[in-house]
PDB file of N, CA and C in Angstrom:
ATOM      1  N   UNK A   1       6.550  -2.748 -64.236  1.00  0.00           N
ATOM      2  CA  UNK A   1       8.107  -3.112 -63.424  1.00  0.00           C
ATOM      3  C   UNK A   1       8.026  -4.189 -62.633  1.00  0.00           C
ATOM      4  N   UNK A   2       9.217  -4.755 -62.666  1.00  0.00           N
ATOM      5  CA  UNK A   2       9.677  -6.191 -62.037  1.00  0.00           C
ATOM      6  C   UNK A   2       9.322  -6.333 -60.771  1.00  0.00           C
ATOM      7  N   UNK A   3       9.640  -5.412 -60.010  1.00  0.00           N
ATOM      8  CA  UNK A   3       9.431  -5.232 -58.634  1.00  0.00           C
ATOM      9  C   UNK A   3       8.149  -5.370 -58.148  1.00  0.00           C
ATOM     10  N   UNK A   4       7.211  -4.482 -58.815  1.00  0.00           N
ATOM     11  CA  UNK A   4       5.928  -4.416 -58.577  1.00  0.00           C
ATOM     12  C   UNK A   4       5.050  -5.883 -58.797  1.00  0.00           C
ATOM     13  N   UNK A   5       5.780  -6.551 -60.155  1.00  0.00           N
ATOM     14  CA  UNK A   5       5.171  -7.956 -60.284  1.00  0.00           C
ATOM     15  C   UNK A   5       5.558  -8.818 -59.559  1.00  0.00           C
ATOM     16  N   UNK A   6       6.709  -8.728 -58.824  1.00  0.00           N
ATOM     17  CA  UNK A   6       6.912  -9.698 -57.920  1.00  0.00           C
ATOM     18  C   UNK A   6       6.074  -9.614 -56.537  1.00  0.00           C
ATOM     19  N   UNK A   7       5.867  -8.359 -56.033  1.00  0.00           N
ATOM     20  CA  UNK A   7       4.874  -8.392 -54.770  1.00  0.00           C
ATOM     21  C   UNK A   7       3.453  -8.938 -55.238  1.00  0.00           C
ATOM     22  N   UNK A   8       2.949  -8.432 -56.382  1.00  0.00           N
ATOM     23  CA  UNK A   8       1.624  -9.039 -56.866  1.00  0.00           C
ATOM     24  C   UNK A   8       1.570 -10.543 -56.759  1.00  0.00           C
ATOM     25  N   UNK A   9       2.788 -11.069 -57.412  1.00  0.00           N
ATOM     26  CA  UNK A   9       2.934 -12.707 -56.970  1.00  0.00           C
ATOM     27  C   UNK A   9       2.798 -13.256 -55.702  1.00  0.00           C
ATOM     28  N   UNK A  10       3.847 -12.527 -54.724  1.00  0.00           N
ATOM     29  CA  UNK A  10       3.789 -12.413 -53.416  1.00  0.00           C
ATOM     30  C   UNK A  10       2.338 -12.421 -52.864  1.00  0.00           C
ATOM     31  N   UNK A  11       1.484 -11.521 -53.023  1.00  0.00           N
ATOM     32  CA  UNK A  11       0.280 -11.651 -52.566  1.00  0.00           C
ATOM     33  C   UNK A  11      -0.548 -12.733 -53.102  1.00  0.00           C
ATOM     34  N   UNK A  12      -0.880 -13.113 -54.266  1.00  0.00           N
ATOM     35  CA  UNK A  12      -1.273 -14.262 -54.717  1.00  0.00           C
ATOM     36  C   UNK A  12      -0.940 -15.543 -53.882  1.00  0.00           C
ATOM     37  N   UNK A  13       0.345 -15.573 -53.564  1.00  0.00           N
ATOM     38  CA  UNK A  13       0.954 -16.816 -52.819  1.00  0.00           C
ATOM     39  C   UNK A  13       0.483 -16.585 -51.147  1.00  0.00           C
ATOM     40  N   UNK A  14       0.617 -15.156 -50.657  1.00  0.00           N
ATOM     41  CA  UNK A  14       0.381 -15.181 -49.240  1.00  0.00           C
ATOM     42  C   UNK A  14      -1.364 -15.563 -48.996  1.00  0.00           C
ATOM     43  N   UNK A  15      -2.131 -15.342 -49.994  1.00  0.00           N
ATOM     44  CA  UNK A  15      -3.724 -15.582 -49.722  1.00  0.00           C
ATOM     45  C   UNK A  15      -3.772 -17.173 -50.408  1.00  0.00           C
ATOM     46  N   UNK A  16      -2.899 -17.899 -50.836  1.00  0.00           N
ATOM     47  CA  UNK A  16      -2.828 -19.343 -51.076  1.00  0.00           C
ATOM     48  C   UNK A  16      -1.990 -20.027 -49.777  1.00  0.00           C
ATOM     49  N   UNK A  17      -1.672 -19.248 -48.613  1.00  0.00           N
ATOM     50  CA  UNK A  17      -1.113 -20.068 -47.586  1.00  0.00           C
ATOM     51  C   UNK A  17       0.266 -20.334 -47.475  1.00  0.00           C
ATOM     52  N   UNK A  18       0.725 -20.022 -48.885  1.00  0.00           N
ATOM     53  CA  UNK A  18       2.381 -20.412 -48.867  1.00  0.00           C
ATOM     54  C   UNK A  18       3.170 -19.793 -47.990  1.00  0.00           C
ATOM     55  N   UNK A  19       4.371 -20.376 -47.449  1.00  0.00           N
ATOM     56  CA  UNK A  19       5.553 -19.833 -46.247  1.00  0.00           C
ATOM     57  C   UNK A  19       6.088 -18.880 -47.130  1.00  0.00           C
ATOM     58  N   UNK A  20       6.652 -17.918 -46.064  1.00  0.00           N
ATOM     59  CA  UNK A  20       7.756 -16.776 -46.398  1.00  0.00           C
ATOM     60  C   UNK A  20       8.744 -17.390 -47.294  1.00  0.00           C
ATOM     61  N   UNK A  21       9.565 -18.428 -46.906  1.00  0.00           N
ATOM     62  CA  UNK A  21      10.409 -19.015 -47.352  1.00  0.00           C
ATOM     63  C   UNK A  21      10.517 -19.559 -48.774  1.00  0.00           C
ATOM     64  N   UNK A  22       9.310 -20.013 -48.931  1.00  0.00           N
ATOM     65  CA  UNK A  22       8.728 -20.617 -50.542  1.00  0.00           C
ATOM     66  C   UNK A  22       8.401 -19.661 -51.254  1.00  0.00           C
ATOM     67  N   UNK A  23       7.781 -18.237 -50.754  1.00  0.00           N
ATOM     68  CA  UNK A  23       7.461 -17.105 -51.554  1.00  0.00           C
ATOM     69  C   UNK A  23       8.999 -16.363 -51.992  1.00  0.00           C
ATOM     70  N   UNK A  24       9.631 -16.466 -51.122  1.00  0.00           N
ATOM     71  CA  UNK A  24      11.145 -15.733 -51.697  1.00  0.00           C
ATOM     72  C   UNK A  24      11.471 -16.933 -52.575  1.00  0.00           C
ATOM     73  N   UNK A  25      11.781 -17.645 -52.376  1.00  0.00           N
ATOM     74  CA  UNK A  25      12.335 -18.683 -53.560  1.00  0.00           C
ATOM     75  C   UNK A  25      11.631 -18.487 -54.966  1.00  0.00           C
ATOM     76  N   UNK A  26      10.324 -18.340 -54.778  1.00  0.00           N
ATOM     77  CA  UNK A  26       9.459 -18.335 -55.898  1.00  0.00           C
ATOM     78  C   UNK A  26       9.536 -16.905 -56.675  1.00  0.00           C
ATOM     79  N   UNK A  27       9.663 -15.932 -55.967  1.00  0.00           N
ATOM     80  CA  UNK A  27      10.044 -14.446 -56.890  1.00  0.00           C
ATOM     81  C   UNK A  27      11.198 -13.998 -56.514  1.00  0.00           C
ATOM     82  N   UNK A  28      12.276 -14.706 -55.939  1.00  0.00           N
ATOM     83  CA  UNK A  28      13.653 -14.291 -56.326  1.00  0.00           C
ATOM     84  C   UNK A  28      14.050 -13.220 -55.413  1.00  0.00           C
ATOM     85  N   UNK A  29      13.481 -13.126 -54.073  1.00  0.00           N
ATOM     86  CA  UNK A  29      14.152 -12.169 -53.070  1.00  0.00           C
ATOM     87  C   UNK A  29      14.239 -13.051 -51.747  1.00  0.00           C
ATOM     88  N   UNK A  30      14.943 -12.206 -50.931  1.00  0.00           N
ATOM     89  CA  UNK A  30      15.371 -12.736 -49.592  1.00  0.00           C
ATOM     90  C   UNK A  30      14.067 -12.759 -48.768  1.00  0.00           C
ATOM     91  N   UNK A  31      14.061 -13.783 -47.776  1.00  0.00           N
ATOM     92  CA  UNK A  31      13.117 -13.892 -46.889  1.00  0.00           C
ATOM     93  C   UNK A  31      12.646 -12.675 -46.040  1.00  0.00           C
ATOM     94  N   UNK A  32      13.552 -11.926 -45.693  1.00  0.00           N
ATOM     95  CA  UNK A  32      13.143 -10.796 -44.694  1.00  0.00           C
ATOM     96  C   UNK A  32      12.573  -9.862 -45.853  1.00  0.00           C
ATOM     97  N   UNK A  33      12.483  -9.676 -47.052  1.00  0.00           N
ATOM     98  CA  UNK A  33      11.768  -8.699 -48.131  1.00  0.00           C
ATOM     99  C   UNK A  33      10.062  -9.429 -47.979  1.00  0.00           C
ATOM    100  N   UNK A  34      10.187 -10.578 -47.961  1.00  0.00           N
ATOM    101  CA  UNK A  34       8.951 -11.248 -47.929  1.00  0.00           C
ATOM    102  C   UNK A  34       8.207 -10.796 -46.426  1.00  0.00           C
ATOM    103  N   UNK A  35       8.843 -11.186 -45.642  1.00  0.00           N
ATOM    104  CA  UNK A  35       8.250 -10.930 -44.153  1.00  0.00           C
ATOM    105  C   UNK A  35       7.718  -9.318 -44.064  1.00  0.00           C
ATOM    106  N   UNK A  36       8.759  -8.351 -44.797  1.00  0.00           N
ATOM    107  CA  UNK A  36       8.099  -7.088 -44.472  1.00  0.00           C
ATOM    108  C   UNK A  36       6.980  -6.914 -45.692  1.00  0.00           C
ATOM    109  N   UNK A  37       6.777  -7.609 -46.715  1.00  0.00           N
ATOM    110  CA  UNK A  37       5.752  -7.403 -47.511  1.00  0.00           C
ATOM    111  C   UNK A  37       4.563  -7.907 -46.914  1.00  0.00           C
ATOM    112  N   UNK A  38       4.763  -9.010 -46.001  1.00  0.00           N
ATOM    113  CA  UNK A  38       3.588  -9.941 -45.532  1.00  0.00           C
ATOM    114  C   UNK A  38       3.217  -8.884 -44.292  1.00  0.00           C
ATOM    115  N   UNK A  39       3.830  -8.298 -43.664  1.00  0.00           N
ATOM    116  CA  UNK A  39       3.156  -7.047 -42.747  1.00  0.00           C
ATOM    117  C   UNK A  39       2.441  -6.218 -43.290  1.00  0.00           C
ATOM    118  N   UNK A  40       2.998  -5.790 -44.412  1.00  0.00           N
ATOM    119  CA  UNK A  40       2.385  -4.424 -44.965  1.00  0.00           C
ATOM    120  C   UNK A  40       1.188  -4.750 -45.707  1.00  0.00           C
ATOM    121  N   UNK A  41       1.206  -6.347 -46.264  1.00  0.00           N
ATOM    122  CA  UNK A  41      -0.187  -6.784 -46.902  1.00  0.00           C
ATOM    123  C   UNK A  41      -1.360  -6.939 -45.510  1.00  0.00           C
ATOM    124  N   UNK A  42      -0.863  -7.427 -44.476  1.00  0.00           N
ATOM    125  CA  UNK A  42      -1.591  -7.600 -43.297  1.00  0.00           C
ATOM    126  C   UNK A  42      -2.360  -6.426 -42.738  1.00  0.00           C
ATOM    127  N   UNK A  43      -1.772  -5.239 -42.883  1.00  0.00           N
ATOM    128  CA  UNK A  43      -1.596  -4.053 -42.382  1.00  0.00           C
ATOM    129  C   UNK A  43      -2.582  -3.248 -43.303  1.00  0.00           C
ATOM    130  N   UNK A  44      -2.322  -3.284 -44.558  1.00  0.00           N
ATOM    131  CA  UNK A  44      -2.891  -2.606 -45.641  1.00  0.00           C
ATOM    132  C   UNK A  44      -3.643  -2.841 -46.972  1.00  0.00           C
ATOM    133  N   UNK A  45      -3.398  -4.279 -46.889  1.00  0.00           N
ATOM    134  CA  UNK A  45      -3.904  -5.015 -48.159  1.00  0.00           C
ATOM    135  C   UNK A  45      -2.883  -4.931 -49.108  1.00  0.00           C
ATOM    136  N   UNK A  46      -3.490  -5.450 -50.673  1.00  0.00           N
ATOM    137  CA  UNK A  46      -2.738  -5.576 -51.603  1.00  0.00           C
ATOM    138  C   UNK A  46      -2.112  -4.199 -51.849  1.00  0.00           C
ATOM    139  N   UNK A  47      -3.080  -3.324 -51.661  1.00  0.00           N
ATOM    140  CA  UNK A  47      -3.078  -1.902 -52.119  1.00  0.00           C
ATOM    141  C   UNK A  47      -1.666  -1.294 -51.686  1.00  0.00           C
ATOM    142  N   UNK A  48      -1.475  -1.621 -50.469  1.00  0.00           N
ATOM    143  CA  UNK A  48      -0.304  -1.196 -49.544  1.00  0.00           C
ATOM    144  C   UNK A  48       1.216  -1.287 -50.115  1.00  0.00           C
ATOM    145  N   UNK A  49       0.851  -2.436 -51.090  1.00  0.00           N
ATOM    146  CA  UNK A  49       2.415  -3.197 -51.924  1.00  0.00           C
ATOM    147  C   UNK A  49       2.412  -2.425 -53.273  1.00  0.00           C
ATOM    148  N   UNK A  50       1.520  -1.434 -53.809  1.00  0.00           N
ATOM    149  CA  UNK A  50       1.794  -0.995 -55.025  1.00  0.00           C
ATOM    150  C   UNK A  50       3.225   0.003 -54.878  1.00  0.00           C
ATOM    151  N   UNK A  51       3.448   0.275 -56.216  1.00  0.00           N
ATOM    152  CA  UNK A  51       4.256   1.267 -56.160  1.00  0.00           C
ATOM    153  C   UNK A  51       3.903   2.654 -56.260  1.00  0.00           C
ATOM    154  N   UNK A  52       4.802   3.194 -55.367  1.00  0.00           N
ATOM    155  CA  UNK A  52       4.453   4.424 -54.865  1.00  0.00           C
ATOM    156  C   UNK A  52       5.316   5.423 -55.539  1.00  0.00           C
ATOM    157  N   UNK A  53       4.885   6.765 -55.770  1.00  0.00           N
ATOM    158  CA  UNK A  53       5.871   8.025 -56.488  1.00  0.00           C
ATOM    159  C   UNK A  53       6.856   8.212 -55.524  1.00  0.00           C
ATOM    160  N   UNK A  54       8.197   8.487 -56.217  1.00  0.00           N
ATOM    161  CA  UNK A  54       9.390   9.044 -55.595  1.00  0.00           C
ATOM    162  C   UNK A  54       9.032  10.009 -54.761  1.00  0.00           C
ATOM    163  N   UNK A  55       9.868  10.090 -53.768  1.00  0.00           N
ATOM    164  CA  UNK A  55       9.633  11.254 -52.561  1.00  0.00           C
ATOM    165  C   UNK A  55      11.033  11.925 -52.621  1.00  0.00           C
ATOM    166  N   UNK A  56      10.828  13.316 -52.334  1.00  0.00           N
ATOM    167  CA  UNK A  56      12.159  13.981 -52.296  1.00  0.00           C
ATOM    168  C   UNK A  56      12.299  14.927 -53.476  1.00  0.00           C
ATOM    169  N   UNK A  57      13.254  15.669 -53.487  1.00  0.00           N
ATOM    170  CA  UNK A  57      13.421  16.775 -54.147  1.00  0.00           C
ATOM    171  C   UNK A  57      13.252  16.478 -55.856  1.00  0.00           C
ATOM    172  N   UNK A  58      12.459  17.118 -56.843  1.00  0.00           N
ATOM    173  CA  UNK A  58      12.500  16.565 -57.766  1.00  0.00           C
ATOM    174  C   UNK A  58      13.751  17.140 -58.698  1.00  0.00           C
ATOM    175  N   UNK A  59      14.116  16.354 -59.765  1.00  0.00           N
ATOM    176  CA  UNK A  59      15.338  16.354 -60.704  1.00  0.00           C
ATOM    177  C   UNK A  59      15.688  18.113 -61.244  1.00  0.00           C
ATOM    178  N   UNK A  60      16.480  18.466 -61.141  1.00  0.00           N
ATOM    179  CA  UNK A  60      16.584  19.496 -62.003  1.00  0.00           C
ATOM    180  C   UNK A  60      16.430  19.617 -63.270  1.00  0.00           C
ATOM    181  N   UNK A  61      15.714  20.339 -63.869  1.00  0.00           N
ATOM    182  CA  UNK A  61      15.645  20.333 -65.460  1.00  0.00           C
ATOM    183  C   UNK A  61      16.866  20.424 -66.281  1.00  0.00           C
ATOM    184  N   UNK A  62      17.010  19.466 -67.397  1.00  0.00           N
ATOM    185  CA  UNK A  62      18.124  19.610 -68.304  1.00  0.00           C
ATOM    186  C   UNK A  62      19.234  18.673 -67.694  1.00  0.00           C
ATOM    187  N   UNK A  63      19.074  17.896 -66.569  1.00  0.00           N
ATOM    188  CA  UNK A  63      20.045  17.325 -66.119  1.00  0.00           C
ATOM    189  C   UNK A  63      20.121  15.636 -66.405  1.00  0.00           C
ATOM    190  N   UNK A  64      20.767  15.236 -66.988  1.00  0.00           N
ATOM    191  CA  UNK A  64      20.754  13.531 -67.118  1.00  0.00           C
ATOM    192  C   UNK A  64      21.420  12.557 -66.578  1.00  0.00           C
ATOM    193  N   UNK A  65      21.102  12.047 -65.425  1.00  0.00           N
ATOM    194  CA  UNK A  65      22.045  11.428 -64.702  1.00  0.00           C
ATOM    195  C   UNK A  65      22.756  10.129 -65.633  1.00  0.00           C
ATOM    196  N   UNK A  66      23.971   9.935 -65.546  1.00  0.00           N
ATOM    197  CA  UNK A  66      24.419   8.933 -65.960  1.00  0.00           C
ATOM    198  C   UNK A  66      25.650   9.333 -67.251  1.00  0.00           C
ATOM    199  N   UNK A  67      25.061  10.755 -67.423  1.00  0.00           N
ATOM    200  CA  UNK A  67      25.847  11.399 -68.656  1.00  0.00           C
ATOM    201  C   UNK A  67      26.973  12.204 -68.326  1.00  0.00           C
ATOM    202  N   UNK A  68      27.999  12.133 -68.908  1.00  0.00           N
ATOM    203  CA  UNK A  68      29.225  13.184 -68.720  1.00  0.00           C
ATOM    204  C   UNK A  68      29.030  14.576 -68.732  1.00  0.00           C
ATOM    205  N   UNK A  69      29.379  14.913 -67.447  1.00  0.00           N
ATOM    206  CA  UNK A  69      29.441  16.519 -67.471  1.00  0.00           C
ATOM    207  C   UNK A  69      30.513  17.233 -66.626  1.00  0.00           C
ATOM    208  N   UNK A  70      30.752  18.540 -66.559  1.00  0.00           N
ATOM    209  CA  UNK A  70      31.628  18.781 -65.714  1.00  0.00           C
ATOM    210  C   UNK A  70      31.766  18.565 -64.440  1.00  0.00           C
ATOM    211  N   UNK A  71      33.062  18.031 -64.083  1.00  0.00           N
ATOM    212  CA  UNK A  71      33.274  17.498 -62.797  1.00  0.00           C
ATOM    213  C   UNK A  71      33.246  15.966 -62.978  1.00  0.00           C
ATOM    214  N   UNK A  72      33.044  15.366 -63.942  1.00  0.00           N
ATOM    215  CA  UNK A  72      32.881  13.883 -63.841  1.00  0.00           C
ATOM    216  C   UNK A  72      34.361  13.196 -64.476  1.00  0.00           C
ATOM    217  N   UNK A  73      34.467  12.129 -64.338  1.00  0.00           N
ATOM    218  CA  UNK A  73      35.663  11.718 -64.684  1.00  0.00           C
ATOM    219  C   UNK A  73      35.940  11.461 -66.103  1.00  0.00           C
ATOM    220  N   UNK A  74      34.851  11.275 -66.734  1.00  0.00           N
ATOM    221  CA  UNK A  74      34.538  10.848 -68.099  1.00  0.00           C
ATOM    222  C   UNK A  74      34.722  12.246 -69.135  1.00  0.00           C
ATOM    223  N   UNK A  75      34.451  13.322 -68.456  1.00  0.00           N
ATOM    224  CA  UNK A  75      34.514  14.714 -68.932  1.00  0.00           C
ATOM    225  C   UNK A  75      35.828  15.357 -69.464  1.00  0.00           C
ATOM    226  N   UNK A  76      36.758  14.901 -68.705  1.00  0.00           N
ATOM    227  CA  UNK A  76      38.150  15.215 -68.871  1.00  0.00           C
ATOM    228  C   UNK A  76      38.874  14.891 -69.981  1.00  0.00           C
ATOM    229  N   UNK A  77      39.957  15.881 -70.771  1.00  0.00           N
ATOM    230  CA  UNK A  77      40.667  15.232 -71.721  1.00  0.00           C
ATOM    231  C   UNK A  77      41.932  14.644 -71.214  1.00  0.00           C
ATOM    232  N   UNK A  78      42.600  13.564 -72.112  1.00  0.00           N
ATOM    233  CA  UNK A  78      43.494  12.727 -71.555  1.00  0.00           C
ATOM    234  C   UNK A  78      44.789  13.733 -71.061  1.00  0.00           C
ATOM    235  N   UNK A  79      45.006  14.733 -71.444  1.00  0.00           N
ATOM    236  CA  UNK A  79      46.065  15.436 -71.045  1.00  0.00           C
ATOM    237  C   UNK A  79      45.906  16.266 -69.737  1.00  0.00           C
ATOM    238  N   UNK A  80      44.772  16.197 -69.071  1.00  0.00           N
ATOM    239  CA  UNK A  80      44.462  16.833 -67.855  1.00  0.00           C
ATOM    240  C   UNK A  80      44.626  16.366 -66.686  1.00  0.00           C
ATOM    241  N   UNK A  81      45.150  14.998 -66.845  1.00  0.00           N
ATOM    242  CA  UNK A  81      45.246  13.975 -65.594  1.00  0.00           C
ATOM    243  C   UNK A  81      46.336  14.413 -64.577  1.00  0.00           C
ATOM    244  N   UNK A  82      47.407  15.260 -65.219  1.00  0.00           N
ATOM    245  CA  UNK A  82      48.305  15.368 -64.048  1.00  0.00           C
ATOM    246  C   UNK A  82      48.700  17.059 -64.338  1.00  0.00           C
TER     247      UNK A  82
END
């Protein structure tokens, strides 16, 4: 995953003593993201920046996000607009 690869690269640069601004430019994120990653890295190490499983309610079986279904604009027939 691209986001995790960015954080891994940032850790390499943290360990090399590179500034937050330089890391942000190198990995293509804002400086605030790098500041947040550095705080986590200082507290929890590189493992703290690993991808975590999604939280919250699991998706309902049979639902496919992004596909047209009842109630979605793409599911209406042209004559049903008025």
